[in-house]
Amino acid sequence: MSSFQVSEISSLAIHNVGNKSNNDGIFLSKKITKVEGELNKTLVSYFTSSFKSEGYFNLFHSSGDLKLNEVFTFVSEVFDNPGRLYNQSVFLARHLYDVSTHAKIKGGEFYVVHFKDCMIEGETVDAVGLFKSENKDTFLKVRPVEDIYEVETDKGININKLDKGCIIFNRERENGYTAVVVDNSNRGEDAIYWVDTFLKLTHRKDDYSHTQNTLSLAKNFITKELSQDREFSKADEADLLNKSINFFKEKDSFNFKEFANEVIEQPGLINRFKKYKSEYEQGAEIDIADSFTISNFAVKKQARIFKSVLKLDKNFHVYIHGNRDLIERGVDEDGRKYYKLYYKDEN
């Protein structure tokens, strides 16, 4: 779970970065933008309030050489000498422009910010923030003129919603720093350019990411791998999903062997699960730890996708919360499929 505090902006550069495939170009400011007093506080709120607790990230490069990650290199220059923020912001803007090639990417203001006195995991450090505003809202301007009020419209940035952002904290440099990220404006293929192409971020290897990755592994194994078996019903799927999430809710720590024995249970399925884990790690390019302390926040977040709902045509939705023995599947003499449910009380 990510938790941090940002108190004050020490320097800020603003540029406008367009879509390269449309030849929009870049508009570069000539110097640092001054922000003082209430404006400083307002911008801090705008830049930080949209971040959700999605865990921490690290900057990385697929070659293993962090210096080949452009953002890492430019941000490191700022950390070493905050007075270089303007020059590095120009490099960052040009880098962002170079990767803004998808047809759906919108141009917008690009902010490079140096924060001082930030708190993260009990440590006080400085940080560099990279933000982009892509969407404009319509605002009403109401003002008194003589004995009436006049109403005008204007376009501007909604300070309650940040489109894209990343705050990189000056700690763990050897691992690619500690970062948090947000992207509220895109959900399609074009969305990957901010996190994967521009920033090149990967989840930090901590209890939050271990918990999240292992739950995703279990869900995919149950809903994708086992669902291919004809004898594996939707009721069986719901039962395993319930057992999986309950294991994480009831335990303080995770052990792969213990999870396999208590949840998967059948020796044949356990072997398939081990093989699937290896294939899943290779496909997702991640390492899933065999043991770690369970992150309750990650469990709470992932529990929402562990839905145990049996959908029967368009007529019935059966929510299964446990005890697989109380539901039976069959086919009657007319060929109609049915489920038989056993219960004590009707509410």
Protein backbone atom coordinates (compact mmCIF):
# COMPACT_ATOMS: atom_id res chain seq x y z
CA MET A 1 0.00 0.00 0.00
CA SER A 2 1.39 3.42 -0.94
CA SER A 3 1.21 6.29 1.54
CA PHE A 4 3.06 9.58 1.23
CA GLN A 5 2.86 13.31 1.97
CA VAL A 6 4.03 16.18 -0.19
CA SER A 7 4.29 19.59 1.44
CA GLU A 8 5.65 22.19 -0.97
CA ILE A 9 6.74 22.84 -4.56
CA SER A 10 10.27 24.25 -4.74
CA SER A 11 10.39 24.64 -8.54
CA LEU A 12 8.09 24.03 -11.51
CA ALA A 13 8.49 23.94 -15.29
CA ILE A 14 5.49 23.78 -17.63
CA HIS A 15 5.58 22.82 -21.31
CA ASN A 16 2.98 21.68 -23.83
CA VAL A 17 3.52 18.31 -25.48
CA GLY A 18 1.48 17.27 -28.50
CA ASN A 19 0.93 14.08 -30.47
CA LYS A 20 3.98 13.28 -32.58
CA SER A 21 2.06 11.24 -35.17
CA ASN A 22 -0.09 14.34 -35.82
CA ASN A 23 2.99 16.60 -35.96
CA ASP A 24 1.55 18.69 -33.11
CA GLY A 25 4.99 19.69 -31.91
CA ILE A 26 6.13 20.94 -28.51
CA PHE A 27 5.78 24.36 -26.92
CA LEU A 28 8.64 24.89 -24.47
CA SER A 29 8.54 27.53 -21.76
CA LYS A 30 11.59 29.76 -21.61
CA LYS A 31 12.04 29.54 -17.86
CA ILE A 32 10.75 28.19 -14.54
CA THR A 33 7.20 29.11 -13.48
CA LYS A 34 6.99 30.82 -10.07
CA VAL A 35 4.38 29.49 -7.65
CA GLU A 36 3.93 30.98 -4.19
CA GLY A 37 1.43 31.13 -1.35
CA GLU A 38 -2.04 29.76 -1.99
CA LEU A 39 -1.20 28.84 -5.59
CA ASN A 40 1.57 26.57 -4.31
CA LYS A 41 -0.88 24.82 -1.98
CA THR A 42 -3.53 24.51 -4.72
CA LEU A 43 -1.07 22.95 -7.15
CA VAL A 44 0.20 20.51 -4.51
CA SER A 45 -3.39 19.39 -3.96
CA TYR A 46 -4.01 19.11 -7.71
CA PHE A 47 -0.85 17.08 -8.27
CA THR A 48 -1.33 14.67 -5.34
CA SER A 49 -5.04 14.18 -4.55
CA SER A 50 -5.79 11.79 -7.43
CA PHE A 51 -3.27 9.15 -6.40
CA LYS A 52 -4.79 5.90 -5.19
CA SER A 53 -3.14 3.25 -3.04
CA GLU A 54 -1.93 1.00 -5.86
CA GLY A 55 1.41 0.14 -4.29
CA TYR A 56 4.89 1.39 -5.12
CA PHE A 57 6.79 1.15 -8.38
CA ASN A 58 10.41 1.30 -9.58
CA LEU A 59 11.82 2.74 -12.76
CA PHE A 60 13.53 0.02 -14.78
CA HIS A 61 14.98 -0.93 -18.15
CA SER A 62 14.65 -4.32 -19.81
CA SER A 63 18.43 -4.48 -20.35
CA GLY A 64 19.03 -4.22 -16.60
CA ASP A 65 20.94 -0.94 -17.04
CA LEU A 66 18.92 1.79 -15.31
CA LYS A 67 20.90 4.51 -17.08
CA LEU A 68 19.16 3.50 -20.31
CA ASN A 69 15.83 4.55 -18.76
CA GLU A 70 15.55 8.17 -19.91
CA VAL A 71 13.32 9.28 -17.03
CA PHE A 72 15.72 7.73 -14.49
CA THR A 73 18.67 9.60 -16.01
CA PHE A 74 16.93 12.99 -16.26
CA VAL A 75 15.38 12.76 -12.78
CA SER A 76 18.71 11.73 -11.25
CA GLU A 77 20.22 14.97 -12.60
CA VAL A 78 17.51 16.93 -10.78
CA PHE A 79 18.09 15.07 -7.53
CA ASP A 80 21.85 15.72 -7.79
CA ASN A 81 21.27 19.40 -8.52
CA PRO A 82 17.70 20.79 -8.22
CA GLY A 83 18.87 23.91 -10.08
CA ARG A 84 18.99 21.81 -13.25
CA LEU A 85 15.25 21.17 -13.21
CA TYR A 86 14.48 23.45 -16.17
CA ASN A 87 17.06 21.86 -18.50
CA GLN A 88 16.01 18.34 -17.52
CA SER A 89 12.33 19.25 -17.96
CA VAL A 90 13.07 20.08 -21.61
CA PHE A 91 14.68 16.66 -22.09
CA LEU A 92 11.72 15.00 -20.39
CA ALA A 93 9.23 16.90 -22.59
CA ARG A 94 11.07 15.83 -25.75
CA HIS A 95 11.17 12.24 -24.54
CA LEU A 96 7.42 12.32 -23.84
CA TYR A 97 6.81 13.73 -27.32
CA ASP A 98 8.89 10.96 -28.92
CA VAL A 99 6.69 8.26 -27.34
CA SER A 100 3.37 10.08 -27.98
CA THR A 101 2.74 8.35 -31.30
CA HIS A 102 -0.58 6.53 -30.79
CA ALA A 103 -3.41 8.20 -32.70
CA LYS A 104 -5.58 8.53 -29.58
CA ILE A 105 -2.99 10.27 -27.40
CA LYS A 106 -4.06 13.82 -26.58
CA GLY A 107 -1.69 16.71 -26.28
CA GLY A 108 -1.62 18.82 -23.15
CA GLU A 109 0.34 20.68 -20.51
CA PHE A 110 3.31 18.77 -19.11
CA TYR A 111 4.52 19.70 -15.63
CA VAL A 112 7.90 18.84 -14.14
CA VAL A 113 7.97 19.59 -10.43
CA HIS A 114 10.58 19.43 -7.70
CA PHE A 115 9.05 18.82 -4.26
CA LYS A 116 10.94 19.22 -1.01
CA ASP A 117 10.34 17.70 2.44
CA CYS A 118 8.19 14.74 1.32
CA MET A 119 7.33 11.97 3.78
CA ILE A 120 7.29 8.35 2.64
CA GLU A 121 7.55 5.25 4.84
CA GLY A 122 8.82 7.38 7.73
CA GLU A 123 11.59 9.00 5.67
CA THR A 124 11.92 12.67 4.63
CA VAL A 125 13.16 13.07 1.05
CA ASP A 126 12.75 15.31 -1.97
CA ALA A 127 10.82 14.15 -5.04
CA VAL A 128 10.28 14.90 -8.71
CA GLY A 129 6.75 14.92 -10.07
CA LEU A 130 5.82 14.42 -13.74
CA PHE A 131 2.23 15.34 -14.61
CA LYS A 132 0.17 15.84 -17.74
CA SER A 133 -3.24 17.47 -18.18
CA GLU A 134 -5.03 16.32 -21.35
CA ASN A 135 -8.69 17.18 -20.79
CA LYS A 136 -10.37 20.54 -20.39
CA ASP A 137 -13.69 21.16 -18.63
CA THR A 138 -16.21 23.94 -19.21
CA PHE A 139 -16.58 26.38 -16.33
CA LEU A 140 -19.13 29.11 -15.66
CA LYS A 141 -17.91 32.60 -14.75
CA VAL A 142 -20.60 34.61 -13.00
CA ARG A 143 -19.88 38.26 -12.21
CA PRO A 144 -21.95 41.28 -11.20
CA VAL A 145 -22.19 44.09 -13.76
CA GLU A 146 -24.11 47.13 -12.50
CA ASP A 147 -27.51 45.77 -11.40
CA ILE A 148 -27.37 42.29 -13.04
CA TYR A 149 -25.17 39.22 -13.14
CA GLU A 150 -23.44 38.21 -16.36
CA VAL A 151 -22.62 34.58 -17.12
CA GLU A 152 -19.76 33.47 -19.34
CA THR A 153 -18.20 30.11 -20.13
CA ASP A 154 -14.53 29.26 -20.22
CA LYS A 155 -12.37 26.18 -20.72
CA GLY A 156 -9.94 25.12 -18.03
CA ILE A 157 -8.32 22.34 -16.04
CA ASN A 158 -10.37 20.65 -13.33
CA ILE A 159 -8.09 20.76 -10.28
CA ASN A 160 -10.01 17.86 -8.71
CA LYS A 161 -8.97 15.40 -11.39
CA LEU A 162 -5.42 14.77 -12.54
CA ASP A 163 -5.15 13.02 -15.91
CA LYS A 164 -1.67 11.56 -15.62
CA GLY A 165 0.96 11.71 -12.94
CA CYS A 166 4.01 10.12 -11.41
CA ILE A 167 5.91 11.13 -8.27
CA ILE A 168 9.45 9.76 -7.99
CA PHE A 169 10.95 9.87 -4.50
CA ASN A 170 14.68 10.27 -3.94
CA ARG A 171 15.29 6.93 -2.25
CA GLU A 172 16.38 3.45 -3.38
CA ARG A 173 18.18 4.90 -6.40
CA GLU A 174 19.94 1.60 -7.06
CA ASN A 175 16.54 -0.06 -7.51
CA GLY A 176 15.07 2.65 -9.75
CA TYR A 177 13.80 4.92 -6.98
CA THR A 178 10.39 4.62 -5.28
CA ALA A 179 7.50 5.89 -7.39
CA VAL A 180 3.71 6.20 -7.39
CA VAL A 181 1.69 6.58 -10.58
CA VAL A 182 -1.79 7.51 -11.79
CA ASP A 183 -3.45 7.46 -15.23
CA ASN A 184 -7.10 8.50 -15.24
CA SER A 185 -7.55 9.47 -18.88
CA ASN A 186 -6.96 6.29 -20.88
CA ARG A 187 -8.05 2.69 -20.63
CA GLY A 188 -7.22 1.32 -24.10
CA GLU A 189 -4.01 0.39 -25.90
CA ASP A 190 -2.94 4.03 -25.94
CA ALA A 191 -2.83 4.02 -22.13
CA ILE A 192 0.40 2.02 -21.98
CA TYR A 193 2.52 4.86 -23.34
CA TRP A 194 2.54 6.75 -20.00
CA VAL A 195 3.46 3.89 -17.64
CA ASP A 196 5.23 1.41 -19.92
CA THR A 197 6.81 3.50 -22.69
CA PHE A 198 7.48 6.93 -21.18
CA LEU A 199 8.15 6.08 -17.53
CA LYS A 200 9.02 2.37 -17.83
CA LEU A 201 7.71 1.35 -14.41
CA THR A 202 7.52 -2.02 -12.72
CA HIS A 203 5.88 -2.94 -9.41
CA ARG A 204 8.30 -2.78 -6.51
CA LYS A 205 8.96 -6.20 -5.01
CA ASP A 206 7.24 -5.83 -1.65
CA ASP A 207 4.44 -7.55 0.28
CA TYR A 208 1.78 -5.56 -1.58
CA SER A 209 2.99 -6.62 -5.03
CA HIS A 210 3.66 -10.21 -3.91
CA THR A 211 0.09 -10.47 -2.59
CA GLN A 212 -1.40 -8.85 -5.69
CA ASN A 213 0.61 -11.02 -8.10
CA THR A 214 -0.19 -14.27 -6.29
CA LEU A 215 -3.92 -13.53 -6.16
CA SER A 216 -3.86 -12.74 -9.87
CA LEU A 217 -2.04 -16.01 -10.48
CA ALA A 218 -4.64 -17.99 -8.52
CA LYS A 219 -7.58 -16.27 -10.24
CA ASN A 220 -6.16 -16.85 -13.73
CA PHE A 221 -5.38 -20.49 -12.96
CA ILE A 222 -8.94 -21.10 -11.78
CA THR A 223 -10.86 -19.07 -14.38
CA LYS A 224 -8.67 -19.71 -17.44
CA GLU A 225 -6.66 -22.90 -16.99
CA LEU A 226 -9.14 -25.08 -15.09
CA SER A 227 -12.16 -23.72 -16.99
CA GLN A 228 -10.93 -25.66 -20.04
CA ASP A 229 -11.78 -28.94 -18.27
CA ARG A 230 -15.28 -30.18 -19.09
CA GLU A 231 -15.76 -31.72 -15.67
CA PHE A 232 -14.85 -28.42 -13.97
CA SER A 233 -18.15 -26.59 -13.44
CA LYS A 234 -18.85 -22.96 -12.66
CA ALA A 235 -19.78 -24.08 -9.15
CA ASP A 236 -16.33 -25.66 -8.79
CA GLU A 237 -14.80 -22.43 -10.04
CA ALA A 238 -16.74 -20.39 -7.50
CA ASP A 239 -15.71 -22.76 -4.73
CA LEU A 240 -12.00 -22.43 -5.53
CA LEU A 241 -12.24 -18.66 -5.84
CA ASN A 242 -13.86 -18.49 -2.40
CA LYS A 243 -11.22 -20.77 -0.88
CA SER A 244 -8.43 -18.70 -2.44
CA ILE A 245 -9.56 -15.31 -1.20
CA ASN A 246 -10.51 -16.72 2.22
CA PHE A 247 -7.01 -18.18 2.57
CA PHE A 248 -5.55 -14.70 2.13
CA LYS A 249 -8.10 -13.11 4.46
CA GLU A 250 -7.48 -15.61 7.25
CA LYS A 251 -3.69 -15.92 7.09
CA ASP A 252 -0.99 -13.46 8.10
CA SER A 253 1.63 -14.94 5.78
CA PHE A 254 1.62 -16.83 2.49
CA ASN A 255 3.40 -20.09 1.78
CA PHE A 256 3.01 -21.58 -1.71
CA LYS A 257 3.06 -25.21 -0.56
CA GLU A 258 0.52 -24.52 2.20
CA PHE A 259 -1.78 -22.69 -0.23
CA ALA A 260 -1.57 -25.50 -2.79
CA ASN A 261 -2.35 -28.18 -0.21
CA GLU A 262 -5.23 -26.34 1.49
CA VAL A 263 -6.89 -24.70 -1.53
CA ILE A 264 -6.02 -26.68 -4.66
CA GLU A 265 -5.85 -29.96 -2.67
CA GLN A 266 -5.81 -32.57 -5.46
CA PRO A 267 -2.24 -33.76 -6.28
CA GLY A 268 -2.87 -33.66 -10.02
CA LEU A 269 -4.17 -30.11 -9.89
CA ILE A 270 -1.31 -29.04 -7.61
CA ASN A 271 1.21 -30.17 -10.25
CA ARG A 272 -0.72 -28.24 -12.90
CA PHE A 273 -0.73 -25.21 -10.62
CA LYS A 274 3.06 -25.37 -10.20
CA LYS A 275 3.54 -25.62 -13.96
CA TYR A 276 1.07 -22.80 -14.57
CA LYS A 277 2.91 -20.58 -12.07
CA SER A 278 6.15 -21.01 -14.02
CA GLU A 279 4.44 -20.21 -17.33
CA TYR A 280 2.59 -17.26 -15.79
CA GLU A 281 5.83 -15.77 -14.43
CA GLN A 282 7.50 -16.02 -17.83
CA GLY A 283 4.52 -14.55 -19.67
CA ALA A 284 4.07 -11.65 -17.26
CA GLU A 285 7.85 -11.20 -16.79
CA ILE A 286 7.54 -11.25 -13.00
CA ASP A 287 8.83 -13.38 -10.14
CA ILE A 288 6.18 -14.60 -7.70
CA ALA A 289 7.59 -15.25 -4.25
CA ASP A 290 6.94 -18.60 -2.57
CA SER A 291 6.50 -16.95 0.82
CA PHE A 292 5.79 -13.43 2.07
CA THR A 293 3.74 -11.44 4.58
CA ILE A 294 0.22 -10.93 3.24
CA SER A 295 -0.80 -7.33 2.52
CA ASN A 296 -4.34 -6.84 3.83
CA PHE A 297 -4.84 -3.80 1.63
CA ALA A 298 -3.94 -5.77 -1.51
CA VAL A 299 -6.34 -8.53 -0.44
CA LYS A 300 -9.15 -6.03 0.05
CA LYS A 301 -8.53 -4.51 -3.37
CA GLN A 302 -8.29 -7.86 -5.19
CA ALA A 303 -11.31 -9.35 -3.39
CA ARG A 304 -13.55 -7.29 -5.64
CA ILE A 305 -12.56 -9.34 -8.69
CA PHE A 306 -12.98 -12.69 -6.92
CA LYS A 307 -16.68 -12.77 -7.72
CA SER A 308 -18.35 -16.13 -7.11
CA VAL A 309 -21.46 -15.70 -9.24
CA LEU A 310 -23.13 -18.52 -11.14
CA LYS A 311 -24.92 -17.03 -14.17
CA LEU A 312 -27.65 -19.26 -15.63
CA ASP A 313 -28.87 -17.98 -18.99
CA LYS A 314 -30.54 -14.60 -18.43
CA ASN A 315 -32.87 -15.88 -15.73
CA PHE A 316 -30.77 -16.45 -12.60
CA HIS A 317 -27.67 -15.23 -10.83
CA VAL A 318 -26.60 -17.50 -7.94
CA TYR A 319 -24.07 -16.03 -5.50
CA ILE A 320 -21.95 -18.77 -3.96
CA HIS A 321 -20.22 -17.93 -0.69
CA GLY A 322 -18.98 -21.36 0.31
CA ASN A 323 -19.67 -25.06 1.04
CA ARG A 324 -19.50 -26.68 -2.39
CA ASP A 325 -21.30 -29.78 -1.02
CA LEU A 326 -24.61 -27.88 -0.86
CA ILE A 327 -24.92 -27.45 -4.63
CA GLU A 328 -25.32 -30.21 -7.22
CA ARG A 329 -25.32 -30.07 -11.02
CA GLY A 330 -27.24 -32.44 -13.26
CA VAL A 331 -29.31 -33.03 -16.41
CA ASP A 332 -32.94 -34.22 -16.33
CA GLU A 333 -34.55 -36.80 -18.64
CA ASP A 334 -35.55 -34.07 -21.08
CA GLY A 335 -31.97 -32.87 -21.40
CA ARG A 336 -32.44 -29.73 -19.34
CA LYS A 337 -29.51 -28.72 -17.17
CA TYR A 338 -30.16 -27.91 -13.53
CA TYR A 339 -28.51 -27.05 -10.22
CA LYS A 340 -29.89 -28.36 -6.93
CA LEU A 341 -29.32 -26.20 -3.83
CA TYR A 342 -29.58 -27.36 -0.21
CA TYR A 343 -30.28 -24.88 2.60
CA LYS A 344 -31.76 -24.60 6.09
CA ASP A 345 -33.25 -21.11 6.27
CA GLU A 346 -34.85 -18.81 3.71
CA ASN A 347 -34.44 -15.07 4.27
